[in-house]
Amino acid sequence: MQIETVKPTEVQIKARRSRSIAIALALVAFVVVVYVVSIVRLGPAVIDRSF
């Protein structure tokens, strides 16, 4: 018994790739925003840490 699979068209492949890139960029932007907000909230305590 052979399983039938659906082959995406070229348009669907390009749309999927564009969507994946958009999601990746949004994730990177979110990480950068969280990092920047964390640094801003901690303020100078990040730089003047005594060990």
C-alpha atoms as a PDB file:
ATOM      1  CA  MET A   1       0.000   0.000   0.000  1.00  0.00           C
ATOM      2  CA  GLN A   2       1.387   3.345  -1.033  1.00  0.00           C
ATOM      3  CA  ILE A   3       0.727   6.563   0.869  1.00  0.00           C
ATOM      4  CA  GLU A   4      -0.385   9.507  -1.241  1.00  0.00           C
ATOM      5  CA  THR A   5       1.262  12.813  -0.418  1.00  0.00           C
ATOM      6  CA  VAL A   6       0.385  16.317  -1.493  1.00  0.00           C
ATOM      7  CA  LYS A   7       3.082  18.129  -3.436  1.00  0.00           C
ATOM      8  CA  PRO A   8       3.081  21.891  -2.860  1.00  0.00           C
ATOM      9  CA  THR A   9       3.255  24.158  -5.885  1.00  0.00           C
ATOM     10  CA  GLU A  10       6.074  26.630  -6.435  1.00  0.00           C
ATOM     11  CA  VAL A  11       3.819  29.463  -5.261  1.00  0.00           C
ATOM     12  CA  GLN A  12       3.044  27.601  -2.038  1.00  0.00           C
ATOM     13  CA  ILE A  13       6.720  26.867  -1.431  1.00  0.00           C
ATOM     14  CA  LYS A  14       7.626  30.540  -1.899  1.00  0.00           C
ATOM     15  CA  ALA A  15       4.758  31.607   0.378  1.00  0.00           C
ATOM     16  CA  ARG A  16       5.887  29.141   3.057  1.00  0.00           C
ATOM     17  CA  ARG A  17       9.457  30.407   2.835  1.00  0.00           C
ATOM     18  CA  SER A  18       8.330  34.044   3.082  1.00  0.00           C
ATOM     19  CA  ARG A  19       6.157  33.188   6.073  1.00  0.00           C
ATOM     20  CA  SER A  20       9.032  31.359   7.768  1.00  0.00           C
ATOM     21  CA  ILE A  21      11.376  34.308   7.230  1.00  0.00           C
ATOM     22  CA  ALA A  22       8.763  36.722   8.617  1.00  0.00           C
ATOM     23  CA  ILE A  23       8.271  34.568  11.726  1.00  0.00           C
ATOM     24  CA  ALA A  24      12.041  34.302  12.232  1.00  0.00           C
ATOM     25  CA  LEU A  25      12.474  38.076  11.941  1.00  0.00           C
ATOM     26  CA  ALA A  26       9.605  38.673  14.366  1.00  0.00           C
ATOM     27  CA  LEU A  27      11.180  36.248  16.848  1.00  0.00           C
ATOM     28  CA  VAL A  28      14.577  37.944  16.558  1.00  0.00           C
ATOM     29  CA  ALA A  29      12.953  41.361  17.019  1.00  0.00           C
ATOM     30  CA  PHE A  30      11.139  40.106  20.135  1.00  0.00           C
ATOM     31  CA  VAL A  31      14.363  38.728  21.621  1.00  0.00           C
ATOM     32  CA  VAL A  32      16.163  42.016  20.953  1.00  0.00           C
ATOM     33  CA  VAL A  33      13.335  44.015  22.557  1.00  0.00           C
ATOM     34  CA  VAL A  34      13.333  41.786  25.660  1.00  0.00           C
ATOM     35  CA  TYR A  35      17.127  42.069  25.918  1.00  0.00           C
ATOM     36  CA  VAL A  36      17.111  45.867  25.549  1.00  0.00           C
ATOM     37  CA  VAL A  37      14.270  46.279  28.045  1.00  0.00           C
ATOM     38  CA  SER A  38      16.117  44.066  30.534  1.00  0.00           C
ATOM     39  CA  ILE A  39      19.304  46.108  30.201  1.00  0.00           C
ATOM     40  CA  VAL A  40      17.394  49.400  30.529  1.00  0.00           C
ATOM     41  CA  ARG A  41      15.510  48.209  33.620  1.00  0.00           C
ATOM     42  CA  LEU A  42      18.684  46.979  35.310  1.00  0.00           C
ATOM     43  CA  GLY A  43      20.393  50.226  34.417  1.00  0.00           C
ATOM     44  CA  PRO A  44      23.946  50.904  35.626  1.00  0.00           C
ATOM     45  CA  ALA A  45      23.863  47.835  37.874  1.00  0.00           C
ATOM     46  CA  VAL A  46      24.853  45.763  34.847  1.00  0.00           C
ATOM     47  CA  ILE A  47      28.091  47.695  34.323  1.00  0.00           C
ATOM     48  CA  ASP A  48      29.070  48.269  37.976  1.00  0.00           C
ATOM     49  CA  ARG A  49      28.932  44.701  39.216  1.00  0.00           C
ATOM     50  CA  SER A  50      31.378  43.891  41.958  1.00  0.00           C
ATOM     51  CA  PHE A  51      32.570  40.321  42.222  1.00  0.00           C
END
